[in-house]
């Protein structure tokens, strides 16, 4: 996998304010937010996209879900948020380092799923 801006952020090579950080992932505010709250959860392990994850990544993927819970509670949005993973260029993924989008602070409905987000 080629190095990405997210790899540099997780390694501390690009100074970034973390919303959340632990030994397995970091969370940052998206620089092009699609909602009033738009946080990216990025694993420290470089995996290009979700479909590239292996059986050995099962614990990490579960950890990311638990981190989302912690982050949303910390931000006071745990009752209403959308979680998005773009997988591949055709889905709108632009940085090929797996990351999860937490979106909150506005109304969402099922119809907006078809429009999606970029990132």
N, C-alpha and C. Protein backbone atom coordinates (compact mmCIF):
# COMPACT_ATOMS: atom_id res chain seq x y z
N UNK A 1 0.84 -1.18 0.00
CA UNK A 1 0.00 0.00 0.00
C UNK A 1 0.88 1.24 0.00
N UNK A 2 0.54 2.21 -0.84
CA UNK A 2 1.27 3.47 -0.85
C UNK A 2 0.97 4.27 0.40
N UNK A 3 1.95 5.07 0.83
CA UNK A 3 1.73 5.92 1.99
C UNK A 3 0.71 7.00 1.63
N UNK A 4 -0.06 7.42 2.60
CA UNK A 4 -1.10 8.43 2.39
C UNK A 4 -0.97 9.52 3.44
N UNK A 5 -1.72 10.57 3.26
CA UNK A 5 -1.76 11.63 4.26
C UNK A 5 -2.25 11.09 5.60
N UNK A 6 -3.16 10.11 5.58
CA UNK A 6 -3.65 9.54 6.83
C UNK A 6 -2.56 8.74 7.54
N UNK A 7 -1.71 8.05 6.78
CA UNK A 7 -0.58 7.36 7.39
C UNK A 7 0.34 8.34 8.09
N UNK A 8 0.60 9.46 7.43
CA UNK A 8 1.46 10.49 8.02
C UNK A 8 0.83 11.10 9.25
N UNK A 9 -0.48 11.29 9.22
CA UNK A 9 -1.18 11.84 10.39
C UNK A 9 -1.12 10.85 11.55
N UNK A 10 -1.38 9.57 11.30
CA UNK A 10 -1.39 8.59 12.40
C UNK A 10 -0.01 8.42 13.01
N UNK A 11 1.04 8.63 12.22
CA UNK A 11 2.41 8.51 12.73
C UNK A 11 2.93 9.81 13.34
N UNK A 12 2.14 10.87 13.30
CA UNK A 12 2.55 12.14 13.88
C UNK A 12 3.46 12.97 12.99
N UNK A 13 3.58 12.61 11.72
CA UNK A 13 4.45 13.35 10.80
C UNK A 13 3.80 14.65 10.33
N UNK A 14 2.49 14.72 10.39
CA UNK A 14 1.76 15.94 10.08
C UNK A 14 1.04 16.35 11.36
N UNK A 15 1.41 17.49 11.94
CA UNK A 15 0.76 17.91 13.18
C UNK A 15 -0.75 18.06 12.98
N UNK A 16 -1.50 17.38 13.83
CA UNK A 16 -2.95 17.36 13.73
C UNK A 16 -3.53 17.29 15.13
N UNK A 17 -4.62 18.02 15.34
CA UNK A 17 -5.32 17.93 16.62
C UNK A 17 -6.26 16.73 16.57
N UNK A 18 -6.05 15.80 17.48
CA UNK A 18 -6.89 14.60 17.53
C UNK A 18 -8.12 14.85 18.39
N UNK A 19 -9.26 14.42 17.90
CA UNK A 19 -10.49 14.41 18.67
C UNK A 19 -10.43 13.24 19.65
N UNK A 20 -9.76 12.17 19.22
CA UNK A 20 -9.62 10.94 20.00
C UNK A 20 -8.35 10.25 19.54
N UNK A 21 -7.72 9.55 20.46
CA UNK A 21 -6.51 8.80 20.10
C UNK A 21 -6.33 7.63 21.06
N UNK A 22 -5.98 6.48 20.51
CA UNK A 22 -5.56 5.35 21.33
C UNK A 22 -4.48 4.59 20.56
N UNK A 23 -4.11 3.44 21.04
CA UNK A 23 -3.00 2.70 20.42
C UNK A 23 -3.35 2.14 19.04
N UNK A 24 -4.64 2.06 18.71
CA UNK A 24 -5.06 1.45 17.44
C UNK A 24 -5.60 2.43 16.41
N UNK A 25 -6.03 3.62 16.85
CA UNK A 25 -6.64 4.55 15.90
C UNK A 25 -6.55 5.99 16.41
N UNK A 26 -6.83 6.90 15.48
CA UNK A 26 -6.96 8.31 15.82
C UNK A 26 -8.26 8.81 15.19
N UNK A 27 -8.75 9.93 15.70
CA UNK A 27 -9.93 10.58 15.11
C UNK A 27 -9.62 12.06 14.96
N UNK A 28 -10.00 12.58 13.79
CA UNK A 28 -9.76 13.99 13.47
C UNK A 28 -11.02 14.59 12.87
N UNK A 29 -11.13 15.91 12.93
CA UNK A 29 -12.21 16.59 12.24
C UNK A 29 -11.89 16.60 10.75
N UNK A 30 -12.90 16.34 9.93
CA UNK A 30 -12.74 16.36 8.48
C UNK A 30 -12.50 17.80 8.02
N UNK A 31 -11.57 18.01 7.11
CA UNK A 31 -11.28 19.37 6.64
C UNK A 31 -12.32 19.87 5.62
N UNK A 32 -13.14 18.96 5.11
CA UNK A 32 -14.24 19.32 4.21
C UNK A 32 -15.54 18.70 4.76
N UNK A 33 -16.03 19.25 5.89
CA UNK A 33 -17.17 18.60 6.56
C UNK A 33 -18.43 18.59 5.71
N UNK A 34 -19.14 17.47 5.79
CA UNK A 34 -20.42 17.29 5.11
C UNK A 34 -21.59 17.41 6.08
N UNK A 35 -21.29 17.73 7.32
CA UNK A 35 -22.30 17.92 8.37
C UNK A 35 -21.66 18.78 9.45
N UNK A 36 -22.45 19.37 10.35
CA UNK A 36 -21.86 20.18 11.42
C UNK A 36 -20.81 19.43 12.23
N UNK A 37 -21.02 18.14 12.45
CA UNK A 37 -20.00 17.27 13.06
C UNK A 37 -19.61 16.26 12.00
N UNK A 38 -18.33 16.25 11.64
CA UNK A 38 -17.82 15.28 10.65
C UNK A 38 -16.42 14.89 11.09
N UNK A 39 -16.33 13.74 11.71
CA UNK A 39 -15.09 13.22 12.28
C UNK A 39 -14.66 11.99 11.50
N UNK A 40 -13.37 11.87 11.24
CA UNK A 40 -12.80 10.69 10.59
C UNK A 40 -12.11 9.84 11.63
N UNK A 41 -12.41 8.55 11.65
CA UNK A 41 -11.74 7.60 12.53
C UNK A 41 -10.81 6.78 11.65
N UNK A 42 -9.52 6.84 11.96
CA UNK A 42 -8.49 6.27 11.09
C UNK A 42 -7.66 5.25 11.86
N UNK A 43 -7.63 4.01 11.40
CA UNK A 43 -6.77 3.04 12.09
C UNK A 43 -5.30 3.36 11.85
N UNK A 44 -4.47 3.09 12.82
CA UNK A 44 -3.03 3.30 12.65
C UNK A 44 -2.46 2.31 11.64
N UNK A 45 -3.02 1.11 11.60
CA UNK A 45 -2.57 0.12 10.63
C UNK A 45 -3.06 0.53 9.25
N UNK A 46 -2.17 0.61 8.28
CA UNK A 46 -2.61 0.99 6.94
C UNK A 46 -3.30 -0.16 6.21
N UNK A 47 -4.58 0.03 5.95
CA UNK A 47 -5.40 -0.88 5.13
C UNK A 47 -6.03 0.02 4.09
N UNK A 48 -5.83 -0.26 2.82
CA UNK A 48 -6.29 0.66 1.77
C UNK A 48 -7.80 0.86 1.80
N UNK A 49 -8.55 -0.22 1.89
CA UNK A 49 -10.01 -0.11 1.92
C UNK A 49 -10.57 -1.29 2.68
N UNK A 50 -11.81 -1.18 3.09
CA UNK A 50 -12.42 -2.21 3.92
C UNK A 50 -12.33 -3.58 3.29
N UNK A 51 -12.55 -3.66 2.00
CA UNK A 51 -12.53 -4.98 1.33
C UNK A 51 -11.13 -5.58 1.30
N UNK A 52 -10.10 -4.82 1.66
CA UNK A 52 -8.73 -5.35 1.75
C UNK A 52 -8.41 -5.89 3.13
N UNK A 53 -9.30 -5.70 4.09
CA UNK A 53 -9.06 -6.20 5.45
C UNK A 53 -9.02 -7.73 5.42
N UNK A 54 -8.17 -8.28 6.26
CA UNK A 54 -8.00 -9.73 6.35
C UNK A 54 -8.57 -10.24 7.67
N UNK A 55 -8.65 -11.56 7.79
CA UNK A 55 -9.13 -12.16 9.03
C UNK A 55 -8.35 -11.63 10.23
N UNK A 56 -7.06 -11.38 10.06
CA UNK A 56 -6.23 -10.88 11.16
C UNK A 56 -6.64 -9.47 11.61
N UNK A 57 -7.45 -8.78 10.82
CA UNK A 57 -7.89 -7.42 11.14
C UNK A 57 -9.22 -7.39 11.89
N UNK A 58 -9.78 -8.55 12.20
CA UNK A 58 -11.09 -8.61 12.84
C UNK A 58 -11.12 -7.82 14.14
N UNK A 59 -10.15 -8.00 14.99
CA UNK A 59 -10.13 -7.28 16.27
C UNK A 59 -10.01 -5.77 16.05
N UNK A 60 -9.19 -5.37 15.10
CA UNK A 60 -9.04 -3.95 14.80
C UNK A 60 -10.36 -3.35 14.31
N UNK A 61 -11.04 -4.04 13.42
CA UNK A 61 -12.31 -3.54 12.90
C UNK A 61 -13.34 -3.41 14.02
N UNK A 62 -13.38 -4.37 14.92
CA UNK A 62 -14.27 -4.27 16.08
C UNK A 62 -13.88 -3.11 16.98
N UNK A 63 -12.58 -2.92 17.15
CA UNK A 63 -12.09 -1.81 17.97
C UNK A 63 -12.54 -0.47 17.40
N UNK A 64 -12.51 -0.35 16.07
CA UNK A 64 -12.94 0.90 15.45
C UNK A 64 -14.40 1.20 15.79
N UNK A 65 -15.25 0.17 15.81
CA UNK A 65 -16.66 0.37 16.16
C UNK A 65 -16.79 0.84 17.60
N UNK A 66 -16.01 0.24 18.50
CA UNK A 66 -16.06 0.66 19.90
C UNK A 66 -15.52 2.08 20.06
N UNK A 67 -14.49 2.43 19.29
CA UNK A 67 -13.96 3.80 19.33
C UNK A 67 -15.01 4.79 18.88
N UNK A 68 -15.78 4.44 17.85
CA UNK A 68 -16.87 5.32 17.40
C UNK A 68 -17.83 5.59 18.55
N UNK A 69 -18.18 4.56 19.30
CA UNK A 69 -19.06 4.75 20.45
C UNK A 69 -18.47 5.72 21.46
N UNK A 70 -17.19 5.56 21.78
CA UNK A 70 -16.53 6.47 22.73
C UNK A 70 -16.52 7.90 22.21
N UNK A 71 -16.18 8.04 20.93
CA UNK A 71 -16.09 9.39 20.33
C UNK A 71 -17.45 10.07 20.32
N UNK A 72 -18.49 9.33 19.93
CA UNK A 72 -19.81 9.96 19.86
C UNK A 72 -20.33 10.33 21.25
N UNK A 73 -20.02 9.52 22.25
CA UNK A 73 -20.40 9.89 23.62
C UNK A 73 -19.62 11.13 24.06
N UNK A 74 -18.33 11.16 23.75
CA UNK A 74 -17.48 12.31 24.11
C UNK A 74 -18.00 13.60 23.47
N UNK A 75 -18.49 13.49 22.23
CA UNK A 75 -18.98 14.67 21.51
C UNK A 75 -20.44 14.99 21.79
N UNK A 76 -21.12 14.12 22.56
CA UNK A 76 -22.51 14.34 22.89
C UNK A 76 -23.47 14.09 21.74
N UNK A 77 -23.09 13.19 20.83
CA UNK A 77 -23.93 12.91 19.66
C UNK A 77 -24.31 11.43 19.57
N UNK A 78 -24.18 10.70 20.66
CA UNK A 78 -24.35 9.24 20.61
C UNK A 78 -25.78 8.81 20.28
N UNK A 79 -26.75 9.70 20.42
CA UNK A 79 -28.13 9.33 20.11
C UNK A 79 -28.50 9.49 18.65
N UNK A 80 -27.70 10.21 17.87
CA UNK A 80 -28.06 10.45 16.46
C UNK A 80 -26.82 10.78 15.64
N UNK A 81 -26.30 9.79 14.96
CA UNK A 81 -25.18 10.01 14.06
C UNK A 81 -25.24 9.00 12.93
N UNK A 82 -24.54 9.30 11.86
CA UNK A 82 -24.43 8.38 10.72
C UNK A 82 -22.97 7.96 10.63
N UNK A 83 -22.75 6.68 10.37
CA UNK A 83 -21.40 6.14 10.21
C UNK A 83 -21.28 5.65 8.77
N UNK A 84 -20.25 6.12 8.07
CA UNK A 84 -20.07 5.81 6.65
C UNK A 84 -18.66 5.30 6.41
N UNK A 85 -18.56 4.25 5.58
CA UNK A 85 -17.27 3.77 5.07
C UNK A 85 -17.38 3.73 3.56
N UNK A 86 -16.55 4.50 2.89
CA UNK A 86 -16.48 4.44 1.42
C UNK A 86 -15.43 3.41 1.05
N UNK A 87 -15.76 2.53 0.13
CA UNK A 87 -14.84 1.45 -0.26
C UNK A 87 -14.57 1.52 -1.75
N UNK A 88 -13.44 2.12 -2.12
CA UNK A 88 -13.04 2.21 -3.51
C UNK A 88 -13.45 3.53 -4.15
N UNK A 89 -12.78 3.84 -5.26
CA UNK A 89 -13.01 5.10 -5.96
C UNK A 89 -14.46 5.26 -6.39
N UNK A 90 -15.10 4.19 -6.82
CA UNK A 90 -16.49 4.26 -7.27
C UNK A 90 -17.47 4.62 -6.18
N UNK A 91 -17.05 4.48 -4.92
CA UNK A 91 -17.93 4.84 -3.81
C UNK A 91 -17.64 6.24 -3.29
N UNK A 92 -16.62 6.88 -3.85
CA UNK A 92 -16.25 8.21 -3.40
C UNK A 92 -15.02 8.24 -2.52
N UNK A 93 -14.37 7.10 -2.29
CA UNK A 93 -13.16 7.10 -1.48
C UNK A 93 -12.06 7.82 -2.23
N UNK A 94 -11.45 8.81 -1.58
CA UNK A 94 -10.38 9.58 -2.21
C UNK A 94 -9.03 9.37 -1.54
N UNK A 95 -9.03 8.94 -0.28
CA UNK A 95 -7.78 8.62 0.42
C UNK A 95 -7.80 7.12 0.68
N UNK A 96 -6.83 6.42 0.12
CA UNK A 96 -6.84 4.96 0.20
C UNK A 96 -6.09 4.46 1.44
N UNK A 97 -6.66 4.82 2.56
CA UNK A 97 -6.31 4.34 3.89
C UNK A 97 -7.67 4.26 4.58
N UNK A 98 -8.10 3.06 4.93
CA UNK A 98 -9.41 2.86 5.53
C UNK A 98 -9.70 3.94 6.58
N UNK A 99 -10.89 4.49 6.53
CA UNK A 99 -11.34 5.44 7.54
C UNK A 99 -12.85 5.44 7.60
N UNK A 100 -13.37 5.78 8.76
CA UNK A 100 -14.81 5.84 9.00
C UNK A 100 -15.20 7.28 9.18
N UNK A 101 -16.32 7.66 8.59
CA UNK A 101 -16.87 9.00 8.74
C UNK A 101 -17.98 8.96 9.78
N UNK A 102 -17.87 9.79 10.81
CA UNK A 102 -18.96 10.01 11.75
C UNK A 102 -19.58 11.35 11.38
N UNK A 103 -20.87 11.33 11.06
CA UNK A 103 -21.58 12.55 10.68
C UNK A 103 -22.74 12.77 11.63
N UNK A 104 -22.89 14.01 12.08
CA UNK A 104 -23.98 14.33 13.01
C UNK A 104 -24.25 15.83 12.98
N UNK A 105 -25.32 16.21 13.68
CA UNK A 105 -25.64 17.63 13.81
C UNK A 105 -26.62 18.13 12.77
N UNK A 106 -27.14 17.24 11.95
CA UNK A 106 -28.20 17.59 11.01
C UNK A 106 -29.07 16.38 10.81
N UNK A 107 -30.23 16.59 10.23
CA UNK A 107 -31.15 15.48 9.98
C UNK A 107 -30.66 14.62 8.81
N UNK A 108 -30.79 13.33 8.96
CA UNK A 108 -30.50 12.37 7.90
C UNK A 108 -31.74 11.54 7.68
N UNK A 109 -31.92 11.07 6.47
CA UNK A 109 -32.99 10.12 6.20
C UNK A 109 -32.47 9.08 5.22
N UNK A 110 -33.26 8.06 4.99
CA UNK A 110 -32.82 6.97 4.11
C UNK A 110 -32.54 7.46 2.69
N UNK A 111 -33.26 8.46 2.22
CA UNK A 111 -33.07 8.96 0.85
C UNK A 111 -31.68 9.54 0.66
N UNK A 112 -31.09 10.10 1.73
CA UNK A 112 -29.75 10.69 1.58
C UNK A 112 -28.66 9.63 1.47
N UNK A 113 -28.98 8.39 1.79
CA UNK A 113 -27.98 7.32 1.63
C UNK A 113 -27.57 7.19 0.17
N UNK A 114 -28.49 7.39 -0.74
CA UNK A 114 -28.19 7.25 -2.17
C UNK A 114 -27.23 8.33 -2.64
N UNK A 115 -27.29 9.51 -2.03
CA UNK A 115 -26.39 10.59 -2.42
C UNK A 115 -25.01 10.41 -1.82
N UNK A 116 -24.95 9.87 -0.60
CA UNK A 116 -23.67 9.59 0.04
C UNK A 116 -22.86 10.83 0.35
N UNK A 117 -21.57 10.60 0.61
CA UNK A 117 -20.61 11.66 0.86
C UNK A 117 -19.35 11.36 0.10
N UNK A 118 -18.49 12.32 -0.04
CA UNK A 118 -17.19 12.12 -0.67
C UNK A 118 -16.14 11.95 0.42
N UNK A 119 -15.11 11.11 0.18
CA UNK A 119 -14.01 11.03 1.13
C UNK A 119 -13.50 9.70 1.41
